[in-house]
Each structure stands twice: as structure tokens, then as C-alpha cells.
């Protein structure tokens, strides 16, 4: 960039994107902020976008977090959650059988409070339930892993404690083809007042084997472990640390909300997965988010890493090189591929739901459970 340039540091109340950087001696830089797509690697970026990429803002939704989007291919519906106001129980569903698609509330049986991460495996939606309360919808809800059958609307609790301790949040998860569920457990539910109990466990990443009930901690060096995903070849696990966004966990003070310190962790790490798929090794940082903090995290069919970060979605190669970015006018929390070819990407976030049509194909979770 030609001198003098300057980019403000984002805060909770105001997000300063790359495009908002002041570059007075380059009049063309103003095009960055107005573009739906940014390409950082010409050859690979243009290839993943395809010949006619489009971005469309589709639904206005309440100004709160919208998470855990999961596509149910048989029903051709996209299920996702709304985390707020506190105590809000219904989830949301986009029916893609209609033109244009429709958005509505739905309530599972029994209800699931505040799903924060989700995936699809063996015909079921797997949700990481982040909310907890002694009496939500007339029943007690605790942080845990639950399944939803999209055909019957019935839910089943698979896990709700670690040897009697409540989990903190259960933020995101994937299911390995062997059935093991890997999930992250930061402190955000407490910060956001969606639980009535202060954290009882360290922030960590776990592996849960439903067939035996065994729960193993697999990573405990991250400040706030958030997104988690696995590569198509099952050799690499990616986990994001959003420690730059956090609050206090003092039970005596109660939930105090969250703050931002951009000098702390907003990084994606890659790990080698052992041949028996039980433990991680060779932790290495691959990407420092250039906008916001890396939240929802998934891996495309070709191995590219896709992450919701601030007001948009970044696409990285497996080494963490930024290839392209989708830009939005709202903070994106998460996303999911839909459609027969899995080339439509729906984005959910704070105040908005949008979609991208491009050439980057998602993994078919109906055939392989991760």
C-alpha cells in the first residue's frame, strides 16, 4: 500500500473491515469495500468462484447470533438456530422446496436450547447445545450433544456431562466416519448469559465415543476453542481459537458480556490426526483472521478451509493461504452448503441470512459423516 495508510482496530460495537482501511493515495482501494468477492490468489481464487459467482442477501433476522446451520438433503431444508433473546427455544428452518425459499420457526420434540454448532451424519442432525437452565420450556436443559431426526422432529440427548460437571458451551463439532464426535467447549454461553451456571471446566476440545460413552480431552492449550473441522482425507483437524473475544468467568459477578482485544488469539490451527483417529499432534498456526475472529469452520470437498470471519467468509488452502473472500454487510457466524451439487453456500449471522452461488463444492455429509 502507498503511505500513509491506516486501519482501525475493531471493537464489539464497531467492526473495521479490510476495505475500510484508509488509503488516500490509492483512489482505487475504495472498490475493495464495495465488492461482494475479493480474490487474493488470482488463479485459485477465480477457479473456486467459477465463471458467474453471485451473492444475495435473502432474509433479515433479529440482531442476534444465528448459528449451527445444517442441511438435511432428503427434506431439502436448512436448519439453524437463533441464540437470543435469552430463553428463546425455537429454531429456524429455510425450506428450499419453495421458490423463493421460505423461513419459519420450528420447535423440536423435546426442544433443544441454543444449538451453537451442528453437522449431518447418518440421516440425523447433530447439534452442540450451548444453552443451559433449570427450566427452559418446562424442562431442564444442559450443555450437551443432541440429535434431531429431520423426518420425525424427534431429538435425543447423547451427552450432557463430563463426570457430573456441566460442559461450558459445546460450540462446534464434527462426526468422524467411525462415529466419534469431536467438539469444542469454550466459555461463550456464560459470557452471553445463556446458562445459569459459571464454567466448571477448563476450555478444551473433546472426543466423544457414543458406542461406549467415553469422553477424552484431546486439546487444552487454546484460550477459547471455537470452530472445528476435518479434512476430506481424515488426516488433518482444524480448530480455531477466538480468545480475542471473551469476558470474565467470575461466578460472583455473573455474566458480564464480552469484549474484544485484537492482539489476542483469532487464529486457526492445524493438527495431524493419528492413524487410529484418537489423538492430535503437530499443532501449528496456519491463519490469523484478517477480519473479525474465525468462528464457523468447515472444509470443502477439495480440501480448502472455509471460515466465517467478521463480515464475511474466507477461503484458505490447507496451508492457510488466503485465496478469496465473500464480503457481507453483517457479521457471519456460520454457513452450510446446500443443493444437489453442494455449490450453494448459505451464510447465517447477526441480523442476516444470505447465500452464495459459486464453484466451490461442499463435502457430502449424507455419505460421509464429518
Protein backbone atom coordinates (compact mmCIF):
# COMPACT_ATOMS: atom_id res chain seq x y z
CA UNK A 1 0.00 0.00 0.00
CA UNK A 2 1.21 3.53 -0.64
CA UNK A 3 1.85 5.57 2.51
CA UNK A 4 0.10 6.83 4.55
CA UNK A 5 -2.46 4.09 5.25
CA UNK A 6 -4.29 3.18 8.45
CA UNK A 7 -6.82 0.59 9.60
CA UNK A 8 -8.73 1.00 12.84
CA UNK A 9 -8.94 -1.88 15.32
CA UNK A 10 -12.38 -3.48 15.58
CA UNK A 11 -14.43 -3.39 18.78
CA UNK A 12 -17.65 -5.13 19.79
CA UNK A 13 -19.69 -2.09 18.75
CA UNK A 14 -17.82 -1.35 15.51
CA UNK A 15 -16.13 -3.65 13.03
CA UNK A 16 -13.44 -2.23 10.78
CA UNK A 17 -13.01 -4.40 7.71
CA UNK A 18 -10.02 -4.57 5.38
CA UNK A 19 -11.98 -2.48 2.92
CA UNK A 20 -12.41 0.29 5.48
CA UNK A 21 -8.63 0.83 5.57
CA UNK A 22 -7.79 4.43 4.77
CA UNK A 23 -5.51 4.58 1.71
CA UNK A 24 -5.84 8.18 0.48
CA UNK A 25 -3.05 7.84 -2.08
CA UNK A 26 -4.75 4.94 -3.88
CA UNK A 27 -8.17 6.03 -5.12
CA UNK A 28 -8.89 2.54 -6.48
CA UNK A 29 -8.78 0.98 -2.99
CA UNK A 30 -12.36 2.16 -2.38
CA UNK A 31 -13.51 -0.65 -4.69
CA UNK A 32 -12.48 -3.21 -2.07
CA UNK A 33 -15.20 -2.27 0.40
CA UNK A 34 -17.92 -2.31 -2.28
CA UNK A 35 -17.13 -5.74 -3.73
CA UNK A 36 -19.03 -8.96 -2.96
CA UNK A 37 -15.91 -11.03 -3.66
CA UNK A 38 -12.23 -10.38 -3.10
CA UNK A 39 -9.58 -12.53 -4.81
CA UNK A 40 -6.14 -12.79 -3.20
CA UNK A 41 -4.80 -15.67 -5.32
CA UNK A 42 -5.79 -14.97 -8.91
CA UNK A 43 -5.67 -18.48 -10.33
CA UNK A 44 -7.13 -20.47 -7.45
CA UNK A 45 -9.46 -17.71 -6.25
CA UNK A 46 -11.12 -17.25 -9.62
CA UNK A 47 -11.34 -21.02 -10.07
CA UNK A 48 -13.22 -21.57 -6.80
CA UNK A 49 -15.60 -18.70 -7.55
CA UNK A 50 -16.37 -20.02 -11.01
CA UNK A 51 -17.47 -18.09 -14.10
CA UNK A 52 -20.60 -16.49 -12.63
CA UNK A 53 -20.47 -16.23 -8.83
CA UNK A 54 -23.35 -14.43 -7.14
CA UNK A 55 -24.03 -13.11 -3.66
CA UNK A 56 -27.57 -12.42 -2.43
CA UNK A 57 -28.86 -11.11 0.90
CA UNK A 58 -32.01 -13.20 1.44
CA UNK A 59 -33.51 -12.74 4.93
CA UNK A 60 -33.48 -10.11 7.62
CA UNK A 61 -33.41 -11.81 11.03
CA UNK A 62 -33.18 -10.40 14.58
CA UNK A 63 -29.91 -8.70 15.52
CA UNK A 64 -28.50 -11.64 17.47
CA UNK A 65 -26.31 -14.67 16.76
CA UNK A 66 -27.61 -17.23 14.25
CA UNK A 67 -25.64 -20.46 14.34
CA UNK A 68 -25.47 -24.19 13.65
CA UNK A 69 -26.78 -24.30 10.06
CA UNK A 70 -27.22 -27.91 8.92
CA UNK A 71 -28.58 -29.06 5.57
CA UNK A 72 -30.98 -32.04 5.51
CA UNK A 73 -30.81 -33.23 1.87
CA UNK A 74 -33.85 -35.52 1.82
CA UNK A 75 -36.10 -32.77 3.14
CA UNK A 76 -34.17 -30.09 1.19
CA UNK A 77 -34.26 -27.84 4.24
CA UNK A 78 -31.64 -25.83 6.11
CA UNK A 79 -32.00 -25.91 9.89
CA UNK A 80 -30.26 -23.33 12.08
CA UNK A 81 -30.54 -21.66 15.47
CA UNK A 82 -31.21 -18.25 16.92
CA UNK A 83 -29.27 -17.55 20.12
CA UNK A 84 -31.36 -14.89 21.71
CA UNK A 85 -33.14 -13.41 23.40
CA UNK A 86 -32.19 -15.45 26.48
CA UNK A 87 -34.64 -18.33 26.84
CA UNK A 88 -35.65 -18.39 23.17
CA UNK A 89 -36.36 -22.05 22.35
CA UNK A 90 -37.46 -22.41 18.71
CA UNK A 91 -35.01 -22.97 15.91
CA UNK A 92 -35.36 -21.69 12.35
CA UNK A 93 -35.69 -23.56 9.08
CA UNK A 94 -35.35 -22.47 5.47
CA UNK A 95 -37.49 -24.57 3.14
CA UNK A 96 -35.64 -24.80 -0.16
CA UNK A 97 -38.53 -26.62 -1.83
CA UNK A 98 -40.17 -23.25 -2.45
CA UNK A 99 -39.24 -20.53 -4.91
CA UNK A 100 -38.26 -18.27 -3.33
CA UNK A 101 -37.24 -20.21 -0.21
CA UNK A 102 -39.31 -19.62 2.93
CA UNK A 103 -38.16 -19.01 6.51
CA UNK A 104 -40.10 -20.19 9.55
CA UNK A 105 -39.76 -21.20 13.19
CA UNK A 106 -39.94 -24.79 14.36
CA UNK A 107 -39.80 -26.49 17.74
CA UNK A 108 -38.36 -29.98 18.06
CA UNK A 109 -39.69 -32.67 20.42
CA UNK A 110 -38.29 -32.26 23.01
CA UNK A 111 -36.85 -28.79 22.41
CA UNK A 112 -33.11 -28.08 22.18
CA UNK A 113 -31.91 -24.87 23.80
CA UNK A 114 -29.40 -22.76 21.87
CA UNK A 115 -27.65 -25.09 19.42
CA UNK A 116 -24.34 -23.42 18.62
CA UNK A 117 -22.76 -25.93 16.24
CA UNK A 118 -24.09 -28.64 14.01
CA UNK A 119 -23.39 -31.27 11.38
CA UNK A 120 -25.15 -34.06 9.49
CA UNK A 121 -24.41 -37.78 9.93
CA UNK A 122 -26.32 -40.95 9.06
CA UNK A 123 -29.57 -39.13 8.38
CA UNK A 124 -29.51 -37.13 11.62
CA UNK A 125 -28.64 -33.57 12.54
CA UNK A 126 -26.06 -33.45 15.34
CA UNK A 127 -26.22 -30.32 17.44
CA UNK A 128 -23.93 -28.95 20.10
CA UNK A 129 -26.44 -27.48 22.56
CA UNK A 130 -24.85 -24.47 24.23
CA UNK A 131 -27.68 -23.22 26.45
CA UNK A 132 -28.46 -24.38 29.96
CA UNK A 133 -31.15 -23.64 32.53
CA UNK A 134 -33.12 -25.45 35.23
CA UNK A 135 -36.41 -24.77 33.49
CA UNK A 136 -36.49 -23.87 29.80
CA UNK A 137 -39.73 -24.88 28.17
CA UNK A 138 -40.71 -26.70 31.34
CA UNK A 139 -37.68 -28.99 31.37
CA UNK A 140 -34.07 -28.76 32.48
CA UNK A 141 -31.57 -28.22 29.68
CA UNK A 142 -27.81 -28.60 29.98
CA UNK A 143 -24.95 -28.14 27.53
CA UNK A 144 -24.63 -31.31 25.51
CA UNK A 145 -24.79 -33.13 22.22
CA UNK A 146 -28.21 -33.90 20.80
CA UNK A 147 -29.51 -35.37 17.58
CA UNK A 148 -32.53 -34.27 15.61
CA UNK A 149 -34.28 -36.56 13.14
CA UNK A 150 -35.48 -34.15 10.45
CA UNK A 151 -38.07 -36.69 9.29
CA UNK A 152 -39.83 -37.02 12.67
CA UNK A 153 -38.73 -33.85 14.54
CA UNK A 154 -37.65 -36.05 17.48
CA UNK A 155 -34.49 -35.23 19.43
CA UNK A 156 -32.25 -37.47 21.52
CA UNK A 157 -29.62 -36.46 24.09
CA UNK A 158 -26.31 -38.28 23.60
CA UNK A 159 -24.13 -36.43 26.12
CA UNK A 160 -24.78 -33.84 28.82
CA UNK A 161 -21.90 -34.00 31.34
CA UNK A 162 -18.26 -34.74 32.00
CA UNK A 163 -18.27 -36.99 35.08
CA UNK A 164 -21.01 -34.86 36.63
CA UNK A 165 -19.63 -31.48 35.56
CA UNK A 166 -21.58 -29.35 33.12
CA UNK A 167 -19.83 -28.55 29.89
CA UNK A 168 -19.23 -24.84 29.28
CA UNK A 169 -20.72 -24.22 25.83
CA UNK A 170 -20.20 -27.00 23.24
CA UNK A 171 -19.61 -24.61 20.42
CA UNK A 172 -18.91 -26.65 17.29
CA UNK A 173 -18.47 -30.30 16.30
CA UNK A 174 -17.90 -32.86 13.57
CA UNK A 175 -18.60 -36.58 13.39
CA UNK A 176 -15.80 -38.85 12.21
CA UNK A 177 -16.89 -41.73 9.93
CA UNK A 178 -16.11 -44.10 12.83
CA UNK A 179 -18.90 -42.43 14.84
CA UNK A 180 -16.73 -40.41 17.23
CA UNK A 181 -17.91 -36.85 17.85
CA UNK A 182 -15.22 -34.17 18.19
CA UNK A 183 -16.32 -30.91 19.78
CA UNK A 184 -15.04 -27.63 21.21
CA UNK A 185 -16.02 -26.28 24.62
CA UNK A 186 -15.27 -22.55 25.18
CA UNK A 187 -16.91 -20.20 27.70
CA UNK A 188 -19.28 -18.19 25.50
CA UNK A 189 -22.55 -19.47 26.95
CA UNK A 190 -21.60 -17.91 30.29
CA UNK A 191 -20.46 -14.64 28.74
CA UNK A 192 -23.77 -14.38 26.85
CA UNK A 193 -25.99 -15.29 29.85
CA UNK A 194 -27.39 -18.41 28.18
CA UNK A 195 -26.56 -20.59 31.19
CA UNK A 196 -27.34 -20.29 34.90
CA UNK A 197 -24.01 -21.82 35.98
CA UNK A 198 -20.48 -20.42 35.67
CA UNK A 199 -17.91 -22.60 33.86
CA UNK A 200 -16.89 -25.70 35.78
CA UNK A 201 -14.27 -26.99 33.34
CA UNK A 202 -11.25 -25.62 31.54
CA UNK A 203 -11.80 -24.65 27.93
CA UNK A 204 -10.93 -27.69 25.84
CA UNK A 205 -11.60 -29.90 22.83
CA UNK A 206 -13.03 -33.38 23.35
CA UNK A 207 -13.63 -36.64 21.53
CA UNK A 208 -16.82 -38.48 22.47
CA UNK A 209 -17.47 -42.10 21.50
CA UNK A 210 -21.25 -42.73 21.70
CA UNK A 211 -20.83 -46.51 21.42
CA UNK A 212 -19.04 -46.66 24.78
CA UNK A 213 -19.83 -43.29 26.40
CA UNK A 214 -16.12 -42.46 26.69
CA UNK A 215 -15.15 -38.78 26.62
CA UNK A 216 -11.49 -37.86 26.11
CA UNK A 217 -9.89 -34.42 26.18
CA UNK A 218 -7.76 -34.03 23.04
CA UNK A 219 -6.62 -30.39 23.21
CA UNK A 220 -6.46 -27.94 26.14
CA UNK A 221 -3.96 -25.29 25.07
CA UNK A 222 -6.41 -22.94 23.31
CA UNK A 223 -7.87 -19.87 25.01
CA UNK A 224 -11.36 -20.15 23.51
CA UNK A 225 -11.58 -23.14 21.13
CA UNK A 226 -14.34 -22.41 18.64
CA UNK A 227 -14.74 -23.84 15.13
CA UNK A 228 -13.61 -27.38 14.36
CA UNK A 229 -13.49 -29.36 11.11
CA UNK A 230 -11.71 -32.31 9.50
CA UNK A 231 -10.12 -32.67 6.08
CA UNK A 232 -11.68 -34.98 3.46
CA UNK A 233 -8.75 -37.40 3.73
CA UNK A 234 -9.28 -37.60 7.51
CA UNK A 235 -5.66 -36.72 8.22
CA UNK A 236 -5.94 -33.12 9.43
CA UNK A 237 -8.15 -31.45 12.03
CA UNK A 238 -8.57 -27.67 12.03
CA UNK A 239 -9.56 -25.75 15.18
CA UNK A 240 -9.98 -22.01 15.63
CA UNK A 241 -9.08 -20.06 18.78
CA UNK A 242 -11.16 -16.92 19.31
CA UNK A 243 -9.52 -15.87 22.58
CA UNK A 244 -9.59 -12.26 21.36
CA UNK A 245 -13.32 -12.32 22.16
CA UNK A 246 -14.01 -13.17 25.79
CA UNK A 247 -15.22 -11.94 29.16
CA UNK A 248 -14.94 -12.76 32.85
CA UNK A 249 -15.90 -16.13 34.32
CA UNK A 250 -16.21 -14.97 37.94
CA UNK A 251 -19.39 -16.60 39.27
CA UNK A 252 -19.82 -13.87 41.90
CA UNK A 253 -20.13 -11.21 39.20
CA UNK A 254 -22.47 -13.10 36.91
CA UNK A 255 -22.32 -12.84 33.12
CA UNK A 256 -20.66 -9.58 32.08
CA UNK A 257 -20.84 -9.87 28.30
CA UNK A 258 -17.83 -9.95 26.01
CA UNK A 259 -15.08 -7.63 24.89
CA UNK A 260 -12.51 -7.66 22.09
CA UNK A 261 -8.73 -7.48 22.28
CA UNK A 262 -7.43 -7.81 18.72
CA UNK A 263 -3.91 -8.58 19.99
CA UNK A 264 -5.09 -11.89 21.44
CA UNK A 265 -5.93 -15.15 19.65
CA UNK A 266 -8.02 -15.12 16.47
CA UNK A 267 -6.16 -17.94 14.82
CA UNK A 268 -6.81 -21.23 13.03
CA UNK A 269 -4.56 -24.16 13.93
CA UNK A 270 -4.00 -27.38 12.03
CA UNK A 271 -3.26 -30.72 13.71
CA UNK A 272 -2.29 -34.15 12.45
CA UNK A 273 -4.87 -36.81 13.31
CA UNK A 274 -3.43 -40.14 14.44
CA UNK A 275 -3.94 -43.22 12.25
CA UNK A 276 -6.40 -44.67 14.76
CA UNK A 277 -8.28 -41.31 14.86
CA UNK A 278 -7.95 -40.89 18.63
CA UNK A 279 -5.47 -38.07 19.25
CA UNK A 280 -3.93 -34.92 17.74
CA UNK A 281 -0.30 -33.92 17.22
CA UNK A 282 1.87 -31.36 15.45
CA UNK A 283 -0.16 -28.28 16.32
CA UNK A 284 0.69 -25.37 14.03
CA UNK A 285 -0.91 -21.98 13.36
CA UNK A 286 -1.97 -21.54 9.74
CA UNK A 287 -4.13 -18.41 9.66
CA UNK A 288 -4.57 -15.20 11.62
CA UNK A 289 -8.01 -13.84 10.73
CA UNK A 290 -7.65 -10.57 8.84
CA UNK A 291 -11.23 -9.62 9.73
CA UNK A 292 -13.08 -10.45 12.96
CA UNK A 293 -12.40 -13.80 14.61
CA UNK A 294 -12.59 -17.25 12.96
CA UNK A 295 -15.95 -18.69 14.00
CA UNK A 296 -17.76 -21.32 11.93
CA UNK A 297 -15.22 -23.59 10.25
CA UNK A 298 -15.64 -26.24 7.52
CA UNK A 299 -13.57 -27.94 4.85
CA UNK A 300 -14.67 -28.03 1.21
CA UNK A 301 -14.63 -31.19 -0.90
CA UNK A 302 -11.30 -30.19 -2.46
CA UNK A 303 -9.66 -29.60 0.94
CA UNK A 304 -9.92 -25.81 1.07
CA UNK A 305 -10.62 -24.46 4.55
CA UNK A 306 -13.62 -22.13 4.76
CA UNK A 307 -14.21 -19.92 7.79
CA UNK A 308 -16.75 -17.33 8.92
CA UNK A 309 -14.70 -14.32 10.00
CA UNK A 310 -16.22 -10.95 10.75
CA UNK A 311 -18.33 -9.55 7.93
CA UNK A 312 -17.69 -12.35 5.50
CA UNK A 313 -16.25 -15.77 4.76
CA UNK A 314 -12.60 -16.53 3.99
CA UNK A 315 -11.40 -19.40 1.79
CA UNK A 316 -7.92 -20.77 2.55
CA UNK A 317 -5.75 -23.50 1.12
CA UNK A 318 -4.64 -26.22 3.59
CA UNK A 319 -1.52 -24.22 4.49
CA UNK A 320 -3.63 -21.20 5.47
CA UNK A 321 -3.00 -19.01 2.43
CA UNK A 322 -5.98 -16.71 1.84
CA UNK A 323 -7.39 -17.36 -1.64
CA UNK A 324 -10.66 -15.45 -1.72
CA UNK A 325 -13.25 -13.78 0.49
CA UNK A 326 -17.01 -13.32 0.36
CA UNK A 327 -17.97 -9.93 1.83
CA UNK A 328 -21.25 -9.25 3.62
CA UNK A 329 -22.88 -6.32 5.40
CA UNK A 330 -23.36 -8.27 8.64
CA UNK A 331 -21.24 -10.48 10.92
CA UNK A 332 -21.32 -14.08 9.69
CA UNK A 333 -21.44 -16.72 12.43
CA UNK A 334 -21.58 -19.87 10.34
CA UNK A 335 -22.55 -21.38 6.99
CA UNK A 336 -23.56 -24.58 5.20
CA UNK A 337 -23.58 -25.92 1.66
CA UNK A 338 -26.92 -26.96 0.14
CA UNK A 339 -28.34 -28.33 -3.11
CA UNK A 340 -27.76 -31.40 -5.24
CA UNK A 341 -24.28 -30.29 -6.27
CA UNK A 342 -23.50 -28.64 -2.92
CA UNK A 343 -22.38 -25.44 -4.63
CA UNK A 344 -24.80 -23.10 -2.86
CA UNK A 345 -23.44 -21.70 0.40
CA UNK A 346 -25.90 -20.25 2.92
CA UNK A 347 -24.48 -17.82 5.48
CA UNK A 348 -26.14 -17.15 8.86
CA UNK A 349 -25.22 -14.39 11.25
CA UNK A 350 -26.11 -11.36 13.30
CA UNK A 351 -29.10 -9.77 11.59
CA UNK A 352 -28.86 -11.54 8.26
CA UNK A 353 -29.03 -14.69 6.16
CA UNK A 354 -27.53 -14.71 2.67
CA UNK A 355 -26.39 -17.14 0.00
CA UNK A 356 -23.55 -17.57 -2.44
CA UNK A 357 -23.59 -19.43 -5.74
CA UNK A 358 -20.07 -20.46 -6.74
CA UNK A 359 -17.99 -23.42 -7.90
CA UNK A 360 -16.53 -24.42 -4.52
CA UNK A 361 -18.25 -27.67 -3.59
CA UNK A 362 -19.01 -28.82 -0.07
CA UNK A 363 -18.50 -32.31 1.28
CA UNK A 364 -21.48 -34.67 1.01
CA UNK A 365 -22.20 -35.29 4.68
CA UNK A 366 -25.05 -37.66 3.81
CA UNK A 367 -22.46 -40.12 2.53
CA UNK A 368 -19.55 -39.46 4.89
CA UNK A 369 -20.22 -38.26 8.42
CA UNK A 370 -17.93 -35.36 9.06
